[in-house]
């Protein structure tokens, strides 16, 4: 029971504290992040899928660093 009263006092102190970020500022930041995520959701989803695909391919041994170096070495003219 003692812990609950300590937590309640801490919450009340935090709520009444006017320094630092307020609730409104935090809500505005979260709202902007959500809007940006919604606006770029297709790009974000595509990027994550490509990231997982490339990671999966590298675990399978496809598209390893050695293969990439060999391809790039063929493009270099001495």
N, C-alpha and C. Protein backbone atom coordinates (compact mmCIF):
# COMPACT_ATOMS: atom_id res chain seq x y z
N UNK A 1 0.83 -1.19 0.00
CA UNK A 1 0.00 0.00 0.00
C UNK A 1 0.87 1.25 0.00
N UNK A 2 2.03 1.14 0.62
CA UNK A 2 2.93 2.29 0.72
C UNK A 2 3.44 2.69 -0.68
N UNK A 3 3.69 1.69 -1.54
CA UNK A 3 4.20 1.98 -2.88
C UNK A 3 3.19 2.74 -3.73
N UNK A 4 1.91 2.43 -3.55
CA UNK A 4 0.87 3.12 -4.31
C UNK A 4 0.81 4.59 -3.94
N UNK A 5 0.93 4.91 -2.66
CA UNK A 5 0.89 6.31 -2.24
C UNK A 5 2.12 7.07 -2.75
N UNK A 6 3.26 6.40 -2.81
CA UNK A 6 4.47 7.03 -3.34
C UNK A 6 4.30 7.29 -4.84
N UNK A 7 3.74 6.33 -5.54
CA UNK A 7 3.51 6.48 -6.98
C UNK A 7 2.51 7.61 -7.22
N UNK A 8 1.43 7.65 -6.43
CA UNK A 8 0.43 8.71 -6.59
C UNK A 8 1.03 10.08 -6.36
N UNK A 9 1.87 10.22 -5.33
CA UNK A 9 2.52 11.50 -5.06
C UNK A 9 3.44 11.89 -6.21
N UNK A 10 4.16 10.91 -6.76
CA UNK A 10 5.04 11.18 -7.89
C UNK A 10 4.27 11.63 -9.11
N UNK A 11 3.13 10.99 -9.37
CA UNK A 11 2.30 11.37 -10.51
C UNK A 11 1.73 12.76 -10.32
N UNK A 12 1.27 13.06 -9.10
CA UNK A 12 0.73 14.40 -8.82
C UNK A 12 1.81 15.47 -8.98
N UNK A 13 3.01 15.17 -8.52
CA UNK A 13 4.11 16.13 -8.65
C UNK A 13 4.46 16.33 -10.12
N UNK A 14 4.51 15.25 -10.87
CA UNK A 14 4.80 15.33 -12.29
C UNK A 14 3.72 16.11 -13.03
N UNK A 15 2.47 15.90 -12.67
CA UNK A 15 1.35 16.55 -13.33
C UNK A 15 1.34 18.06 -13.05
N UNK A 16 1.70 18.44 -11.82
CA UNK A 16 1.67 19.85 -11.45
C UNK A 16 2.94 20.59 -11.88
N UNK A 17 3.99 19.86 -12.25
CA UNK A 17 5.24 20.49 -12.67
C UNK A 17 5.04 21.14 -14.03
N UNK A 18 5.38 22.42 -14.14
CA UNK A 18 5.18 23.15 -15.37
C UNK A 18 6.47 23.35 -16.15
N UNK A 19 7.55 22.78 -15.70
CA UNK A 19 8.82 22.89 -16.42
C UNK A 19 8.97 21.74 -17.38
N UNK A 20 9.75 21.95 -18.41
CA UNK A 20 9.99 20.89 -19.38
C UNK A 20 8.84 20.75 -20.35
N UNK A 21 8.74 19.58 -20.96
CA UNK A 21 7.69 19.34 -21.94
C UNK A 21 6.35 19.12 -21.25
N UNK A 22 5.35 19.78 -21.76
CA UNK A 22 4.01 19.59 -21.24
C UNK A 22 3.28 18.52 -22.03
N UNK A 23 2.10 18.21 -21.54
CA UNK A 23 1.29 17.19 -22.19
C UNK A 23 0.92 17.60 -23.61
N UNK A 24 0.59 18.86 -23.78
CA UNK A 24 0.21 19.34 -25.11
C UNK A 24 1.35 19.20 -26.10
N UNK A 25 2.54 19.54 -25.68
CA UNK A 25 3.69 19.43 -26.57
C UNK A 25 3.95 17.99 -26.97
N UNK A 26 3.84 17.08 -26.01
CA UNK A 26 4.06 15.66 -26.30
C UNK A 26 3.00 15.15 -27.27
N UNK A 27 1.74 15.55 -27.04
CA UNK A 27 0.67 15.13 -27.94
C UNK A 27 0.87 15.68 -29.35
N UNK A 28 1.35 16.91 -29.46
CA UNK A 28 1.61 17.48 -30.78
C UNK A 28 2.74 16.73 -31.49
N UNK A 29 3.78 16.38 -30.76
CA UNK A 29 4.89 15.62 -31.35
C UNK A 29 4.40 14.27 -31.83
N UNK A 30 3.61 13.58 -31.02
CA UNK A 30 3.08 12.27 -31.41
C UNK A 30 2.17 12.41 -32.63
N UNK A 31 1.35 13.45 -32.65
CA UNK A 31 0.45 13.66 -33.79
C UNK A 31 1.24 13.90 -35.08
N UNK A 32 2.29 14.68 -35.01
CA UNK A 32 3.12 14.93 -36.20
C UNK A 32 3.78 13.64 -36.66
N UNK A 33 4.29 12.84 -35.73
CA UNK A 33 4.91 11.56 -36.10
C UNK A 33 3.90 10.63 -36.77
N UNK A 34 2.69 10.59 -36.25
CA UNK A 34 1.66 9.74 -36.85
C UNK A 34 1.31 10.23 -38.25
N UNK A 35 1.19 11.53 -38.43
CA UNK A 35 0.88 12.08 -39.75
C UNK A 35 1.99 11.77 -40.75
N UNK A 36 3.23 11.91 -40.33
CA UNK A 36 4.36 11.60 -41.21
C UNK A 36 4.36 10.11 -41.55
N UNK A 37 4.10 9.25 -40.56
CA UNK A 37 4.07 7.81 -40.81
C UNK A 37 2.96 7.44 -41.79
N UNK A 38 1.81 8.09 -41.65
CA UNK A 38 0.70 7.82 -42.57
C UNK A 38 1.03 8.32 -43.97
N UNK A 39 1.64 9.50 -44.05
CA UNK A 39 1.96 10.08 -45.35
C UNK A 39 2.98 9.24 -46.12
N UNK A 40 3.94 8.67 -45.41
CA UNK A 40 5.00 7.91 -46.06
C UNK A 40 4.88 6.41 -45.82
N UNK A 41 3.69 5.94 -45.51
CA UNK A 41 3.53 4.53 -45.14
C UNK A 41 3.93 3.57 -46.26
N UNK A 42 3.58 3.90 -47.50
CA UNK A 42 3.93 3.00 -48.60
C UNK A 42 5.44 2.91 -48.77
N UNK A 43 6.11 4.06 -48.68
CA UNK A 43 7.56 4.09 -48.79
C UNK A 43 8.20 3.34 -47.63
N UNK A 44 7.68 3.53 -46.42
CA UNK A 44 8.23 2.87 -45.23
C UNK A 44 8.06 1.36 -45.34
N UNK A 45 6.87 0.93 -45.76
CA UNK A 45 6.60 -0.52 -45.90
C UNK A 45 7.51 -1.12 -46.95
N UNK A 46 7.67 -0.43 -48.09
CA UNK A 46 8.55 -0.92 -49.16
C UNK A 46 9.99 -1.03 -48.66
N UNK A 47 10.45 -0.01 -47.94
CA UNK A 47 11.82 0.00 -47.42
C UNK A 47 12.04 -1.16 -46.44
N UNK A 48 11.08 -1.40 -45.56
CA UNK A 48 11.21 -2.49 -44.58
C UNK A 48 11.20 -3.84 -45.28
N UNK A 49 10.33 -4.01 -46.29
CA UNK A 49 10.30 -5.27 -47.03
C UNK A 49 11.63 -5.52 -47.75
N UNK A 50 12.20 -4.47 -48.35
CA UNK A 50 13.49 -4.63 -49.02
C UNK A 50 14.60 -4.95 -48.01
N UNK A 51 14.51 -4.34 -46.85
CA UNK A 51 15.50 -4.61 -45.80
C UNK A 51 15.44 -6.06 -45.36
N UNK A 52 14.23 -6.57 -45.12
CA UNK A 52 14.10 -7.96 -44.70
C UNK A 52 14.48 -8.92 -45.82
N UNK A 53 14.14 -8.57 -47.05
CA UNK A 53 14.50 -9.44 -48.19
C UNK A 53 16.01 -9.53 -48.34
N UNK A 54 16.69 -8.38 -48.26
CA UNK A 54 18.14 -8.42 -48.41
C UNK A 54 18.80 -9.15 -47.24
N UNK A 55 18.24 -9.00 -46.05
CA UNK A 55 18.78 -9.72 -44.89
C UNK A 55 18.56 -11.21 -45.05
N UNK A 56 17.38 -11.58 -45.51
CA UNK A 56 17.06 -12.99 -45.72
C UNK A 56 17.96 -13.59 -46.79
N UNK A 57 18.18 -12.85 -47.88
CA UNK A 57 19.05 -13.34 -48.95
C UNK A 57 20.48 -13.52 -48.47
N UNK A 58 20.94 -12.60 -47.64
CA UNK A 58 22.32 -12.73 -47.15
C UNK A 58 22.47 -13.94 -46.22
N UNK A 59 21.40 -14.28 -45.49
CA UNK A 59 21.48 -15.47 -44.65
C UNK A 59 21.45 -16.74 -45.49
N UNK A 60 20.77 -16.69 -46.62
CA UNK A 60 20.71 -17.85 -47.50
C UNK A 60 21.98 -18.01 -48.31
N UNK A 61 22.82 -16.99 -48.33
CA UNK A 61 24.05 -17.06 -49.09
C UNK A 61 23.93 -16.42 -50.45
N UNK A 62 22.76 -15.89 -50.76
CA UNK A 62 22.56 -15.23 -52.04
C UNK A 62 22.95 -13.76 -51.88
N UNK A 63 23.63 -13.24 -52.85
CA UNK A 63 23.98 -11.83 -52.81
C UNK A 63 24.95 -11.50 -51.69
N UNK A 64 25.91 -12.39 -51.46
CA UNK A 64 26.87 -12.16 -50.40
C UNK A 64 27.84 -11.07 -50.80
N UNK A 65 28.64 -10.65 -49.87
CA UNK A 65 29.62 -9.60 -50.13
C UNK A 65 30.63 -10.05 -51.17
N UNK A 66 30.99 -11.32 -51.18
CA UNK A 66 31.94 -11.83 -52.17
C UNK A 66 31.37 -11.71 -53.57
N UNK A 67 30.09 -12.05 -53.74
CA UNK A 67 29.45 -11.92 -55.05
C UNK A 67 29.44 -10.47 -55.49
N UNK A 68 29.14 -9.58 -54.59
CA UNK A 68 29.11 -8.15 -54.92
C UNK A 68 30.48 -7.66 -55.32
N UNK A 69 31.52 -8.09 -54.60
CA UNK A 69 32.87 -7.67 -54.93
C UNK A 69 33.30 -8.20 -56.29
N UNK A 70 32.91 -9.45 -56.60
CA UNK A 70 33.25 -10.02 -57.90
C UNK A 70 32.58 -9.25 -59.03
N UNK A 71 31.32 -8.88 -58.84
CA UNK A 71 30.60 -8.12 -59.86
C UNK A 71 31.25 -6.76 -60.06
N UNK A 72 31.59 -6.11 -58.96
CA UNK A 72 32.21 -4.78 -59.05
C UNK A 72 33.62 -4.86 -59.64
N UNK A 73 34.33 -5.94 -59.35
CA UNK A 73 35.69 -6.08 -59.89
C UNK A 73 35.67 -6.22 -61.40
N UNK A 74 34.62 -6.84 -61.93
CA UNK A 74 34.50 -6.99 -63.37
C UNK A 74 34.24 -5.66 -64.07
N UNK A 75 33.72 -4.69 -63.35
CA UNK A 75 33.39 -3.38 -63.92
C UNK A 75 34.59 -2.43 -63.92
N UNK A 76 35.61 -2.75 -63.15
CA UNK A 76 36.76 -1.86 -63.02
C UNK A 76 37.70 -2.06 -64.20
N UNK A 77 38.08 -0.96 -64.82
CA UNK A 77 39.05 -1.02 -65.93
C UNK A 77 40.41 -0.62 -65.42
N UNK A 78 41.43 -1.48 -65.63
CA UNK A 78 42.77 -1.13 -65.14
C UNK A 78 43.41 -0.02 -65.94
